C-alpha atoms as a PDB file:
ATOM      1  CA  UNK A   1    -188.589 131.435 -80.489  1.00  0.00           C
ATOM      2  CA  UNK A   2    -189.618 127.980 -81.683  1.00  0.00           C
ATOM      3  CA  UNK A   3    -191.868 127.555 -84.680  1.00  0.00           C
ATOM      4  CA  UNK A   4    -194.966 125.630 -83.532  1.00  0.00           C
ATOM      5  CA  UNK A   5    -195.882 124.381 -87.043  1.00  0.00           C
ATOM      6  CA  UNK A   6    -192.396 123.255 -88.025  1.00  0.00           C
ATOM      7  CA  UNK A   7    -192.264 119.583 -89.055  1.00  0.00           C
ATOM      8  CA  UNK A   8    -189.825 117.293 -87.192  1.00  0.00           C
ATOM      9  CA  UNK A   9    -188.522 113.886 -88.281  1.00  0.00           C
ATOM     10  CA  UNK A  10    -188.215 111.477 -85.370  1.00  0.00           C
ATOM     11  CA  UNK A  11    -186.842 107.954 -85.397  1.00  0.00           C
ATOM     12  CA  UNK A  12    -188.576 105.330 -83.285  1.00  0.00           C
ATOM     13  CA  UNK A  13    -188.874 101.547 -83.294  1.00  0.00           C
ATOM     14  CA  UNK A  14    -192.220  99.909 -84.057  1.00  0.00           C
ATOM     15  CA  UNK A  15    -192.482  99.059 -80.371  1.00  0.00           C
ATOM     16  CA  UNK A  16    -191.902 102.734 -79.406  1.00  0.00           C
ATOM     17  CA  UNK A  17    -194.495 103.942 -81.920  1.00  0.00           C
ATOM     18  CA  UNK A  18    -197.030 101.481 -80.543  1.00  0.00           C
ATOM     19  CA  UNK A  19    -196.281 102.774 -77.023  1.00  0.00           C
ATOM     20  CA  UNK A  20    -196.836 106.348 -78.190  1.00  0.00           C
ATOM     21  CA  UNK A  21    -200.131 105.329 -79.861  1.00  0.00           C
ATOM     22  CA  UNK A  22    -201.216 103.519 -76.718  1.00  0.00           C
ATOM     23  CA  UNK A  23    -200.490 106.590 -74.574  1.00  0.00           C
ATOM     24  CA  UNK A  24    -202.358 108.817 -77.040  1.00  0.00           C
ATOM     25  CA  UNK A  25    -205.290 106.435 -76.818  1.00  0.00           C
ATOM     26  CA  UNK A  26    -205.703 107.424 -73.171  1.00  0.00           C
ATOM     27  CA  UNK A  27    -206.290 111.094 -74.125  1.00  0.00           C
ATOM     28  CA  UNK A  28    -209.548 112.631 -75.336  1.00  0.00           C
ATOM     29  CA  UNK A  29    -210.185 111.595 -78.954  1.00  0.00           C
ATOM     30  CA  UNK A  30    -210.871 115.155 -80.085  1.00  0.00           C
ATOM     31  CA  UNK A  31    -207.357 116.183 -79.032  1.00  0.00           C
ATOM     32  CA  UNK A  32    -205.396 113.343 -80.577  1.00  0.00           C
ATOM     33  CA  UNK A  33    -207.252 111.756 -83.488  1.00  0.00           C
ATOM     34  CA  UNK A  34    -205.427 113.746 -86.192  1.00  0.00           C
ATOM     35  CA  UNK A  35    -202.014 113.012 -84.663  1.00  0.00           C
ATOM     36  CA  UNK A  36    -202.845 109.303 -84.394  1.00  0.00           C
ATOM     37  CA  UNK A  37    -203.890 109.249 -88.053  1.00  0.00           C
ATOM     38  CA  UNK A  38    -200.703 111.070 -89.116  1.00  0.00           C
ATOM     39  CA  UNK A  39    -198.478 108.618 -87.173  1.00  0.00           C
ATOM     40  CA  UNK A  40    -200.330 105.613 -88.584  1.00  0.00           C
ATOM     41  CA  UNK A  41    -200.079 106.885 -92.146  1.00  0.00           C
ATOM     42  CA  UNK A  42    -196.359 107.505 -91.878  1.00  0.00           C
ATOM     43  CA  UNK A  43    -195.596 104.239 -90.131  1.00  0.00           C
ATOM     44  CA  UNK A  44    -197.680 102.150 -92.557  1.00  0.00           C
ATOM     45  CA  UNK A  45    -195.958 103.751 -95.547  1.00  0.00           C
ATOM     46  CA  UNK A  46    -192.578 102.729 -94.078  1.00  0.00           C
ATOM     47  CA  UNK A  47    -193.600  99.204 -93.132  1.00  0.00           C
ATOM     48  CA  UNK A  48    -195.219  98.204 -96.436  1.00  0.00           C
ATOM     49  CA  UNK A  49    -192.870  97.359 -99.326  1.00  0.00           C
ATOM     50  CA  UNK A  50    -192.577 100.049-101.966  1.00  0.00           C
ATOM     51  CA  UNK A  51    -194.469  99.217-105.171  1.00  0.00           C
ATOM     52  CA  UNK A  52    -193.533 100.175-108.725  1.00  0.00           C
ATOM     53  CA  UNK A  53    -196.005 101.865-111.028  1.00  0.00           C
ATOM     54  CA  UNK A  54    -196.577  98.882-113.329  1.00  0.00           C
ATOM     55  CA  UNK A  55    -198.118  96.116-111.344  1.00  0.00           C
ATOM     56  CA  UNK A  56    -197.266  96.091-107.710  1.00  0.00           C
ATOM     57  CA  UNK A  57    -193.828  94.528-107.927  1.00  0.00           C
ATOM     58  CA  UNK A  58    -191.685  95.502-104.927  1.00  0.00           C
ATOM     59  CA  UNK A  59    -189.176  98.127-105.985  1.00  0.00           C
ATOM     60  CA  UNK A  60    -186.629  96.779-103.586  1.00  0.00           C
ATOM     61  CA  UNK A  61    -186.434  93.463-105.418  1.00  0.00           C
ATOM     62  CA  UNK A  62    -188.517  91.646-102.834  1.00  0.00           C
ATOM     63  CA  UNK A  63    -186.338  92.506 -99.884  1.00  0.00           C
ATOM     64  CA  UNK A  64    -187.656  91.350 -96.560  1.00  0.00           C
ATOM     65  CA  UNK A  65    -190.284  93.577 -94.994  1.00  0.00           C
ATOM     66  CA  UNK A  66    -190.208  94.683 -91.366  1.00  0.00           C
ATOM     67  CA  UNK A  67    -192.643  91.890 -90.509  1.00  0.00           C
ATOM     68  CA  UNK A  68    -190.446  89.301 -92.190  1.00  0.00           C
ATOM     69  CA  UNK A  69    -187.573  90.510 -90.077  1.00  0.00           C
ATOM     70  CA  UNK A  70    -189.555  89.841 -86.904  1.00  0.00           C
ATOM     71  CA  UNK A  71    -190.998  93.333 -86.402  1.00  0.00           C
ATOM     72  CA  UNK A  72    -194.747  93.742 -86.152  1.00  0.00           C
ATOM     73  CA  UNK A  73    -196.362  94.763 -89.407  1.00  0.00           C
ATOM     74  CA  UNK A  74    -198.786  97.586 -90.093  1.00  0.00           C
ATOM     75  CA  UNK A  75    -201.529  95.704 -88.264  1.00  0.00           C
ATOM     76  CA  UNK A  76    -199.764  96.696 -85.062  1.00  0.00           C
ATOM     77  CA  UNK A  77    -200.359 100.342 -85.887  1.00  0.00           C
ATOM     78  CA  UNK A  78    -203.805 100.085 -87.434  1.00  0.00           C
ATOM     79  CA  UNK A  79    -205.664 102.190 -84.941  1.00  0.00           C
ATOM     80  CA  UNK A  80    -206.627  99.412 -82.567  1.00  0.00           C
ATOM     81  CA  UNK A  81    -203.852 100.518 -80.239  1.00  0.00           C
ATOM     82  CA  UNK A  82    -203.651  97.021 -78.863  1.00  0.00           C
ATOM     83  CA  UNK A  83    -200.196  95.647 -78.040  1.00  0.00           C
ATOM     84  CA  UNK A  84    -198.637  93.333 -80.579  1.00  0.00           C
ATOM     85  CA  UNK A  85    -199.426  89.731 -79.627  1.00  0.00           C
ATOM     86  CA  UNK A  86    -195.853  88.597 -80.319  1.00  0.00           C
ATOM     87  CA  UNK A  87    -194.406  86.712 -77.326  1.00  0.00           C
ATOM     88  CA  UNK A  88    -191.075  88.067 -76.141  1.00  0.00           C
END
């Protein structure tokens, strides 16, 4: 028997997460708002550079963020559920 409250770790691209959020946006808000918030929180935490505790210096030495590498930044998963305006 599967545990219904067991946490799963899934791996998706930013584009796939935006597609999931877009699909969830077509469902009744009361059914999906907590899941949307959870996805946005986790995605934003991964897309923003990690900060140290002393002044906001990136822990990774200023490594390129997802947005600098051509991926949409957290604004693509900010709840608007609008597709990223990047031309492909």
